[in-house]
Protein backbone atom coordinates (compact mmCIF):
# COMPACT_ATOMS: atom_id res chain seq x y z
CA MET A 1 33.47 -22.09 -29.24
CA LEU A 2 30.99 -22.81 -32.03
CA ARG A 3 29.81 -25.83 -30.24
CA VAL A 4 29.66 -24.33 -26.73
CA PHE A 5 28.14 -21.06 -27.64
CA GLY A 6 25.70 -22.70 -30.02
CA ARG A 7 24.55 -24.86 -27.14
CA ILE A 8 24.17 -21.72 -25.06
CA GLY A 9 22.05 -20.07 -27.65
CA VAL A 10 19.75 -23.05 -28.13
CA LEU A 11 19.20 -23.65 -24.45
CA SER A 12 18.94 -20.11 -23.30
CA PHE A 13 15.34 -20.17 -22.13
CA GLY A 14 13.97 -18.58 -18.97
CA GLY A 15 15.25 -14.97 -19.05
CA PRO A 16 18.44 -13.36 -17.92
CA ALA A 17 18.81 -14.95 -14.53
CA ALA A 18 18.62 -18.47 -16.13
CA GLN A 19 20.89 -17.48 -19.11
CA ILE A 20 23.61 -15.97 -16.90
CA ALA A 21 23.53 -19.04 -14.73
CA LEU A 22 23.80 -21.32 -17.83
CA MET A 23 26.81 -19.31 -19.09
CA HIS A 24 28.50 -19.43 -15.67
CA ARG A 25 28.24 -23.29 -15.79
CA GLU A 26 29.56 -23.50 -19.30
CA LEU A 27 32.33 -20.89 -19.23
CA VAL A 28 33.51 -20.93 -15.55
CA GLU A 29 32.56 -24.32 -13.90
CA GLN A 30 33.00 -26.81 -16.78
CA ARG A 31 35.94 -25.28 -18.75
CA PRO A 32 38.59 -22.75 -17.51
CA TRP A 33 37.64 -20.02 -20.08
CA LEU A 34 36.87 -17.37 -17.55
CA THR A 35 37.71 -17.02 -13.78
CA GLU A 36 35.01 -16.21 -11.25
CA GLN A 37 36.27 -12.76 -10.72
CA SER A 38 36.49 -11.91 -14.54
CA TYR A 39 33.03 -13.29 -14.97
CA LEU A 40 31.59 -11.13 -12.25
CA ARG A 41 33.39 -8.02 -13.46
CA ALA A 42 31.99 -8.77 -17.02
CA LEU A 43 28.55 -9.20 -15.59
CA SER A 44 28.87 -5.81 -13.69
CA LEU A 45 30.01 -4.09 -16.94
CA CYS A 46 27.08 -5.56 -18.93
CA MET A 47 24.58 -4.36 -16.32
CA LEU A 48 25.91 -0.89 -16.67
CA LEU A 49 25.41 -0.94 -20.48
CA PRO A 50 22.18 -0.56 -22.51
CA GLY A 51 20.83 -3.74 -24.06
CA PRO A 52 20.30 -7.37 -23.08
CA GLU A 53 22.98 -8.24 -20.38
CA ALA A 54 23.13 -11.88 -21.05
CA MET A 55 23.72 -11.52 -24.84
CA GLN A 56 26.44 -8.82 -24.08
CA LEU A 57 27.95 -11.18 -21.45
CA ALA A 58 28.25 -13.89 -24.17
CA THR A 59 29.82 -11.33 -26.50
CA TYR A 60 32.28 -10.30 -23.89
CA ALA A 61 33.19 -13.84 -23.16
CA GLY A 62 33.89 -14.52 -26.85
CA TRP A 63 35.89 -11.30 -27.16
CA ARG A 64 38.06 -12.38 -24.22
CA LEU A 65 38.70 -15.65 -25.76
CA ARG A 66 39.31 -14.69 -29.49
CA GLY A 67 38.98 -10.96 -29.82
CA VAL A 68 36.39 -9.32 -32.09
CA GLY A 69 35.73 -12.44 -34.19
CA GLY A 70 35.12 -14.42 -31.00
CA GLY A 71 32.69 -11.77 -29.75
CA LEU A 72 30.79 -11.72 -32.91
CA LEU A 73 30.53 -15.55 -32.90
CA ALA A 74 29.42 -15.76 -29.34
CA GLY A 75 26.94 -12.90 -29.40
CA GLY A 76 25.51 -13.97 -32.80
CA LEU A 77 24.86 -17.58 -31.68
CA PHE A 78 23.04 -16.16 -28.63
CA VAL A 79 20.55 -14.42 -30.83
CA LEU A 80 20.15 -16.38 -33.96
CA PRO A 81 18.32 -19.55 -32.67
CA GLY A 82 15.59 -17.35 -30.98
CA ALA A 83 15.25 -15.25 -34.18
CA VAL A 84 14.57 -18.22 -36.29
CA VAL A 85 11.97 -19.39 -33.91
CA ILE A 86 10.36 -15.95 -33.75
CA ALA A 87 10.07 -15.91 -37.59
CA ALA A 88 8.44 -19.27 -37.53
CA LEU A 89 5.97 -18.21 -34.73
CA LEU A 90 5.18 -15.00 -36.84
CA ALA A 91 4.28 -17.26 -39.80
CA ILE A 92 2.02 -19.35 -37.64
CA TYR A 93 0.49 -16.25 -36.03
CA VAL A 94 -0.56 -14.54 -39.22
CA THR A 95 -1.75 -17.71 -40.83
CA TRP A 96 -3.86 -19.24 -38.07
CA GLY A 97 -4.12 -16.51 -35.44
CA SER A 98 -7.71 -15.63 -36.30
CA VAL A 99 -9.11 -19.13 -35.71
CA PRO A 100 -11.33 -18.98 -32.67
CA LEU A 101 -9.61 -21.86 -30.80
CA VAL A 102 -6.25 -20.36 -31.50
CA GLN A 103 -7.49 -16.98 -30.17
CA ALA A 104 -8.63 -18.83 -26.97
CA ALA A 105 -5.18 -20.22 -26.53
CA PHE A 106 -3.62 -16.87 -27.10
CA LEU A 107 -5.93 -15.48 -24.26
CA GLY A 108 -4.45 -18.14 -21.99
CA ILE A 109 -0.86 -16.99 -23.04
CA LYS A 110 -1.90 -13.40 -22.38
CA ALA A 111 -3.02 -14.18 -18.95
CA ALA A 112 0.23 -16.08 -18.37
CA VAL A 113 2.27 -13.12 -19.44
CA ILE A 114 0.62 -10.91 -16.66
CA VAL A 115 1.75 -13.51 -14.09
CA ILE A 116 5.36 -13.73 -15.65
CA VAL A 117 5.72 -9.90 -15.58
CA LEU A 118 4.41 -9.69 -11.95
CA ALA A 119 6.94 -12.42 -10.90
CA ALA A 120 9.78 -10.37 -12.57
CA LEU A 121 8.50 -7.26 -10.83
CA ARG A 122 8.51 -9.02 -7.48
CA GLY A 123 12.03 -10.38 -7.90
CA LEU A 124 13.45 -7.02 -9.05
CA ALA A 125 11.72 -5.05 -6.23
CA LYS A 126 13.39 -7.34 -3.65
CA ARG A 127 16.84 -6.70 -5.09
CA ALA A 128 16.48 -3.04 -5.94
CA LEU A 129 14.29 -1.40 -3.36
CA THR A 130 16.60 -1.37 -0.30
CA GLY A 131 15.64 1.91 1.23
CA TRP A 132 12.94 4.59 1.39
CA ALA A 133 14.67 6.56 -1.41
CA ASP A 134 14.51 3.65 -3.73
CA TRP A 135 10.84 3.26 -2.95
CA LEU A 136 10.25 6.86 -3.75
CA VAL A 137 12.09 6.64 -7.09
CA ALA A 138 10.03 3.57 -8.03
CA GLY A 139 6.76 5.40 -6.99
CA PHE A 140 7.63 8.44 -9.04
CA SER A 141 8.44 6.63 -12.13
CA PHE A 142 5.17 4.54 -12.02
CA ALA A 143 3.04 7.81 -11.57
CA ALA A 144 5.16 9.59 -14.09
CA ILE A 145 4.61 7.18 -16.98
CA PHE A 146 1.27 5.67 -16.13
CA ALA A 147 -0.65 8.81 -15.06
CA ILE A 148 1.36 11.86 -16.38
CA GLY A 149 2.91 10.35 -19.55
CA LEU A 150 6.48 11.45 -19.03
CA PRO A 151 8.77 10.03 -21.70
CA PHE A 152 10.55 6.89 -20.65
CA PRO A 153 14.06 8.17 -21.61
CA LEU A 154 13.44 11.29 -19.31
CA ILE A 155 12.47 9.12 -16.35
CA LEU A 156 15.71 7.11 -16.84
CA ALA A 157 17.80 10.15 -17.12
CA LEU A 158 16.29 11.61 -13.96
CA ALA A 159 16.72 8.39 -12.11
CA ALA A 160 20.41 7.95 -13.27
CA LEU A 161 21.15 11.60 -12.23
CA TRP A 162 19.58 11.01 -8.75
CA GLY A 163 21.65 7.76 -8.29
CA ALA A 164 24.86 9.38 -9.48
CA VAL A 165 24.40 12.39 -7.07
CA GLN A 166 23.77 10.02 -4.18
CA ALA A 167 26.70 7.77 -4.80
CA LYS A 168 29.72 8.04 -2.60
CA ALA A 169 32.98 8.98 -4.24
CA THR A 170 35.79 6.34 -4.47
CA PRO A 171 39.39 7.46 -3.88
CA GLU A 172 41.38 7.64 -6.99
CA ALA A 173 43.78 5.07 -5.65
CA ALA A 174 41.04 2.45 -5.77
CA LEU A 175 40.90 2.74 -9.55
CA PRO A 176 43.31 0.84 -11.86
CA ALA A 177 46.54 2.81 -12.34
CA ALA A 178 46.94 1.93 -16.04
CA ARG A 179 45.79 4.78 -18.39
CA PRO A 180 43.28 3.64 -21.05
CA ASP A 181 44.03 3.90 -24.80
CA TRP A 182 41.43 6.36 -25.77
CA GLY A 183 42.61 6.54 -29.37
CA HIS A 184 41.87 2.82 -29.73
CA THR A 185 38.49 3.36 -28.08
CA ALA A 186 37.59 6.18 -30.38
CA ARG A 187 38.44 4.13 -33.52
CA THR A 188 36.47 1.24 -32.28
CA ALA A 189 33.43 3.47 -31.60
CA ALA A 190 33.74 5.05 -35.03
CA ILE A 191 33.92 1.74 -36.88
CA TRP A 192 31.15 0.00 -35.10
CA GLY A 193 28.93 3.01 -34.97
CA THR A 194 29.26 3.48 -38.76
CA LEU A 195 28.56 -0.34 -39.32
CA TRP A 196 25.42 0.09 -37.22
CA LEU A 197 23.92 3.30 -38.54
CA ALA A 198 25.05 3.39 -42.12
CA PRO A 199 22.70 0.83 -43.36
CA LEU A 200 19.79 2.65 -41.79
CA ALA A 201 20.88 5.92 -43.34
CA LEU A 202 20.92 4.05 -46.79
CA LEU A 203 17.40 2.89 -46.14
CA SER A 204 16.25 6.38 -45.59
CA LEU A 205 17.96 7.69 -48.58
CA SER A 206 16.54 4.86 -50.70
CA GLY A 207 12.93 5.93 -49.76
CA ALA A 208 12.09 2.73 -47.89
CA GLY A 209 9.65 4.49 -45.69
CA LEU A 210 8.35 1.94 -43.27
CA LEU A 211 11.55 -0.32 -43.22
CA ALA A 212 13.62 2.83 -42.46
CA GLN A 213 11.23 3.98 -39.65
CA ILE A 214 11.38 0.43 -38.15
CA GLY A 215 15.19 0.58 -38.22
CA TRP A 216 15.66 3.98 -36.65
CA PHE A 217 12.94 3.42 -34.04
CA PHE A 218 14.65 0.16 -32.79
CA ALA A 219 18.14 1.73 -33.02
CA TRP A 220 16.84 4.48 -30.64
CA LEU A 221 15.31 1.72 -28.42
CA ALA A 222 18.68 0.12 -28.32
CA THR A 223 20.35 3.25 -26.85
CA ILE A 224 17.95 3.52 -23.93
CA SER A 225 17.39 -0.12 -23.19
CA PHE A 226 18.54 0.04 -19.57
CA GLY A 227 16.89 -2.08 -16.94
CA GLY A 228 15.98 -4.99 -19.11
CA ALA A 229 13.37 -5.84 -21.61
CA TYR A 230 10.32 -5.49 -19.37
CA ALA A 231 11.18 -1.84 -18.62
CA LEU A 232 11.60 -1.06 -22.34
CA LEU A 233 8.30 -2.75 -23.39
CA ALA A 234 6.09 -0.32 -21.76
CA TYR A 235 7.59 2.62 -23.68
CA MET A 236 7.77 0.31 -26.87
CA ALA A 237 4.10 -0.41 -26.55
CA GLN A 238 3.17 3.13 -26.03
CA THR A 239 5.02 4.20 -29.05
CA VAL A 240 4.24 1.52 -31.61
CA ILE A 241 0.45 1.35 -30.58
CA GLY A 242 -0.39 5.07 -29.78
CA ASP A 243 2.14 6.97 -31.76
CA PHE A 244 2.81 4.90 -34.89
CA GLY A 245 -0.44 2.77 -35.03
CA TRP A 246 1.64 -0.20 -36.19
CA ILE A 247 -0.13 -2.93 -34.11
CA THR A 248 -2.90 -3.27 -31.54
CA PRO A 249 -2.52 -3.72 -27.76
CA ALA A 250 -3.78 -7.39 -28.21
CA GLN A 251 -1.05 -8.05 -30.79
CA MET A 252 1.68 -6.43 -28.56
CA ILE A 253 0.75 -8.78 -25.69
CA ASP A 254 0.67 -11.81 -28.06
CA ALA A 255 4.08 -10.78 -29.17
CA LEU A 256 5.45 -10.75 -25.69
CA GLY A 257 3.80 -14.18 -24.90
CA LEU A 258 5.42 -15.71 -27.96
CA ALA A 259 8.88 -14.24 -27.22
CA GLU A 260 8.69 -15.68 -23.75
CA THR A 261 8.57 -19.19 -25.41
CA THR A 262 11.76 -18.72 -27.41
CA PRO A 263 15.42 -19.05 -26.52
CA GLY A 264 17.64 -16.03 -26.46
CA PRO A 265 17.03 -12.45 -25.12
CA LEU A 266 13.45 -11.40 -24.51
CA ILE A 267 14.16 -8.26 -26.48
CA LEU A 268 13.65 -10.45 -29.68
CA VAL A 269 9.95 -9.20 -29.30
CA THR A 270 11.17 -6.32 -31.41
CA GLN A 271 11.66 -8.65 -34.26
CA PHE A 272 8.20 -10.00 -33.93
CA VAL A 273 6.65 -6.51 -33.82
CA ALA A 274 8.71 -5.42 -36.84
CA MET A 275 7.67 -8.45 -38.80
CA LEU A 276 4.01 -8.17 -37.89
CA THR A 277 4.12 -4.51 -38.97
CA ALA A 278 5.74 -5.17 -42.30
CA HIS A 279 3.57 -8.16 -43.07
CA SER A 280 0.38 -6.12 -42.79
CA GLN A 281 1.81 -3.93 -45.65
CA GLY A 282 3.93 -6.17 -47.81
CA GLY A 283 3.38 -9.77 -46.89
CA PHE A 284 5.96 -12.40 -45.82
CA ALA A 285 8.79 -11.02 -48.05
CA MET A 286 8.55 -7.65 -46.47
CA ALA A 287 8.29 -9.20 -43.04
CA LEU A 288 11.54 -11.02 -43.58
CA MET A 289 13.27 -7.81 -44.48
CA ALA A 290 11.90 -6.14 -41.54
CA ALA A 291 13.10 -8.88 -39.46
CA GLY A 292 16.69 -8.38 -40.60
CA ILE A 293 16.50 -4.68 -40.10
CA GLY A 294 14.93 -4.97 -36.69
CA LEU A 295 17.68 -7.42 -35.66
CA TRP A 296 20.47 -5.23 -36.97
CA ALA A 297 19.18 -2.21 -35.34
CA THR A 298 18.62 -3.77 -32.05
CA PHE A 299 21.72 -5.99 -31.62
CA MET A 300 24.60 -4.31 -33.58
CA PRO A 301 24.89 -1.72 -30.86
CA CYS A 302 25.44 -4.58 -28.34
CA PHE A 303 28.65 -5.33 -30.12
CA LEU A 304 29.54 -1.69 -30.22
CA TRP A 305 29.06 -1.29 -26.41
CA ILE A 306 31.13 -4.32 -25.70
CA PHE A 307 33.95 -3.71 -28.06
CA VAL A 308 34.23 -0.16 -26.75
CA ALA A 309 33.87 -0.80 -23.13
CA ALA A 310 35.53 -4.31 -22.66
CA PRO A 311 39.13 -3.05 -22.47
CA HIS A 312 38.13 -0.68 -19.64
CA VAL A 313 36.15 -3.27 -17.68
CA GLU A 314 38.40 -2.86 -14.52
CA ARG A 315 37.93 0.86 -14.41
CA LEU A 316 34.25 0.88 -15.28
CA SER A 317 33.30 -1.78 -12.79
CA GLY A 318 34.92 0.34 -10.06
CA ALA A 319 33.38 3.68 -10.89
CA PRO A 320 31.00 4.73 -8.21
CA ARG A 321 29.12 7.33 -10.07
CA LEU A 322 28.28 4.82 -12.90
CA THR A 323 27.22 2.28 -10.30
CA GLY A 324 25.24 4.84 -8.52
CA ALA A 325 23.47 5.87 -11.77
CA LEU A 326 22.66 2.14 -12.41
CA SER A 327 21.13 1.82 -8.96
CA GLY A 328 18.87 4.81 -9.67
CA ILE A 329 17.80 3.42 -12.94
CA THR A 330 17.09 -0.07 -11.40
CA ALA A 331 14.80 1.57 -8.78
CA ALA A 332 13.00 3.58 -11.54
CA VAL A 333 12.71 0.34 -13.64
CA VAL A 334 10.58 -1.20 -10.71
CA GLY A 335 7.86 1.62 -11.23
CA VAL A 336 8.17 1.20 -15.01
CA ILE A 337 7.48 -2.57 -14.89
CA LEU A 338 4.64 -1.96 -12.56
CA ASN A 339 3.17 0.31 -15.19
CA LEU A 340 3.70 -2.51 -17.71
CA SER A 341 1.96 -5.05 -15.42
CA VAL A 342 -1.01 -2.70 -15.05
CA TRP A 343 -1.19 -1.82 -18.69
CA PHE A 344 -1.12 -5.62 -19.64
CA ALA A 345 -3.72 -6.53 -17.03
CA LEU A 346 -6.20 -3.65 -18.01
CA ASN A 347 -5.98 -4.58 -21.67
CA VAL A 348 -6.44 -8.29 -21.02
CA PHE A 349 -9.09 -8.19 -18.40
CA PHE A 350 -11.23 -5.51 -20.07
CA GLY A 351 -12.50 -5.09 -23.50
CA ARG A 352 -12.71 -1.29 -23.56
CA MET A 353 -10.73 1.53 -21.97
CA ARG A 354 -11.50 5.34 -21.87
CA PRO A 355 -9.14 8.16 -21.27
CA ALA A 356 -9.45 10.45 -18.19
CA PRO A 357 -8.02 13.70 -19.38
CA ASP A 358 -9.99 15.69 -16.80
CA ILE A 359 -7.94 13.88 -14.02
CA LEU A 360 -4.38 13.23 -15.43
CA PRO A 361 -3.24 13.57 -19.03
CA ALA A 362 -2.11 10.02 -19.67
CA LEU A 363 -4.49 8.13 -17.36
CA THR A 364 -6.85 5.57 -18.89
CA LEU A 365 -9.62 3.74 -16.98
CA PRO A 366 -11.34 0.49 -17.90
CA GLU A 367 -15.16 0.33 -18.56
CA LEU A 368 -16.19 -2.06 -15.82
CA GLY A 369 -19.04 -3.43 -17.99
CA SER A 370 -16.37 -4.90 -20.51
CA VAL A 371 -14.73 -7.12 -18.02
CA ASN A 372 -13.48 -10.52 -19.51
CA GLY A 373 -14.38 -13.29 -17.10
CA ALA A 374 -12.51 -16.00 -19.14
CA ALA A 375 -9.40 -13.90 -18.78
CA LEU A 376 -9.60 -13.62 -15.03
CA ILE A 377 -10.16 -17.35 -14.73
CA LEU A 378 -7.06 -18.00 -16.94
CA PHE A 379 -5.01 -15.53 -14.94
CA THR A 380 -5.95 -17.36 -11.78
CA VAL A 381 -5.08 -20.72 -13.28
CA ALA A 382 -1.68 -19.35 -14.59
CA ALA A 383 -0.88 -17.86 -11.30
CA LEU A 384 -1.56 -21.18 -9.42
CA ALA A 385 0.54 -22.99 -11.94
CA PHE A 386 3.50 -20.69 -11.57
CA PHE A 387 3.57 -19.71 -7.96
CA VAL A 388 1.93 -22.85 -6.37
CA ALA A 389 2.65 -25.76 -8.69
CA ARG A 390 6.00 -23.92 -9.65
CA LEU A 391 5.77 -25.22 -13.26
CA PRO A 392 8.84 -23.99 -15.40
CA LEU A 393 8.05 -20.91 -17.50
CA ALA A 394 7.55 -22.81 -20.79
CA ALA A 395 5.35 -25.37 -19.17
CA MET A 396 3.25 -22.76 -17.53
CA LEU A 397 2.65 -20.97 -20.99
CA ALA A 398 1.70 -24.23 -22.71
CA PHE A 399 -0.63 -25.15 -19.83
CA SER A 400 -2.28 -21.63 -19.99
CA ALA A 401 -2.75 -21.93 -23.71
CA LEU A 402 -4.31 -25.35 -23.30
CA ALA A 403 -6.56 -23.99 -20.51
CA GLY A 404 -7.69 -21.27 -22.83
CA GLY A 405 -8.62 -23.77 -25.61
CA VAL A 406 -10.49 -25.88 -23.03
CA LEU A 407 -12.53 -22.85 -21.82
CA ALA A 408 -13.40 -22.11 -25.49
CA LEU A 409 -14.46 -25.78 -26.11
CA VAL A 410 -16.84 -25.78 -23.15
CA GLY A 411 -18.40 -22.48 -24.10
CA LEU A 412 -16.73 -20.11 -21.50
C-alpha cells in the first residue's frame, strides 16, 4: 500500500478526472483490490461529500483494504507530495517573484489559468446541464454571486434544496435491508470531529490570532467545498481578498497557477494562500506553521467524512434525495465557475476595476483604458496551445510562462 498509494500521490497531476482514472488503473485493473462496482459506489459516495473527491476516493480505498490505518495512509500519501511542492514553490515565489522577468512568466501562467478554468467549465457544463431547469439554476447562481453578491453557502443550499425537491422518490425496497450501526457512526464522528477542531480551539485560546483565523476559515471552507475546487475558489478569493485583505487578486491568481503545476488535489491552493499570508507577517517560520494549520483544517475533515460515511456507502449511493441535491449543486457550480472565469479574466486583462453600486451591489466593471495587451496575447497563445495543439496541462503552463518571458525580453 505504501508503494502503490505513494506512486498515486506523486503522479496525480491533471485534476480529479485524471486522478480518478489513475486510481482505477492501479486499484481495479492492475490488482484486485477493488471491484468495478465497489469502485463506482465509492466514487458516487465521494461526489456526495464535501472536499476533494479524488483524495477521498483514495482514503476510502485504503479504508476498505486496512481500516482506519489504511485510510490515513492512502489519503495522506495523496496530499503530502503536492504539499511539499507547494511549500517549495512558495519559497521561490516570495524570493524571486518581484523580478521583472519572473513577473512576466507569471503573467503567462495567469493567462493559462483562465484557459484551464474555461476548459473545466466547458466539460462540467456538458455533463451537468441536461435540461432547461439546470440552465436556469446555473444562470441564477452566476448572477447571484457575480452581480448581487449572495454568499456562496447560501447559493449551494438553495441549489441542493431545489435538487432534492425535484428528485423522484425511490421505493424503500430498493435500499439495503441491513440497519446501519448508528452508535458506531456517532462515536466515529465524535472522535474525528474532536481531532479536527480541538487544535483550532487551542490556537484560539492561546491567542495565535492570524494562525487561528487561518485555521477556522479553512475549516469552514472544508464543510462547504461541494462541487470541486474551482467552485470554492470564487468564494475563497472574495473572502481572503475583499473581507480579510490577506492577499491581492494577482497573488490569488498566481496561487492557483502554481497549484495547477503540482500533484494532488487542486485545493492545495489553500496551503499556498495560508503560507503567503503568514509569510508577510512572520517570515518563513510562520509560513511553515500556517502550512501545517491550513493542511490540517482542510484535509482532516476528509478523513472524518469517509470514516463516518464509508460503512453506509450502499445506502447513501442509492438515496434519491441526496443524489438530487448533488445534481442541483452541480448545476449551480457551473454558474459559480463561470463567475470565477470572469473574475480571473477581468483581473488579468485589466489593470483597474471600479464598483458599480448604482447598478447592482456586487458588480465591478473594468476601466477599458487599463487593458493589458500582453495578457490578451498570452491568453490567445495559451488557448491555442491547449485547445488546438492539445498540449498537456503542465506543458501548456510551462509554455505560457516561457511565452511571457519572451514578450518581456522583446519589450512587449
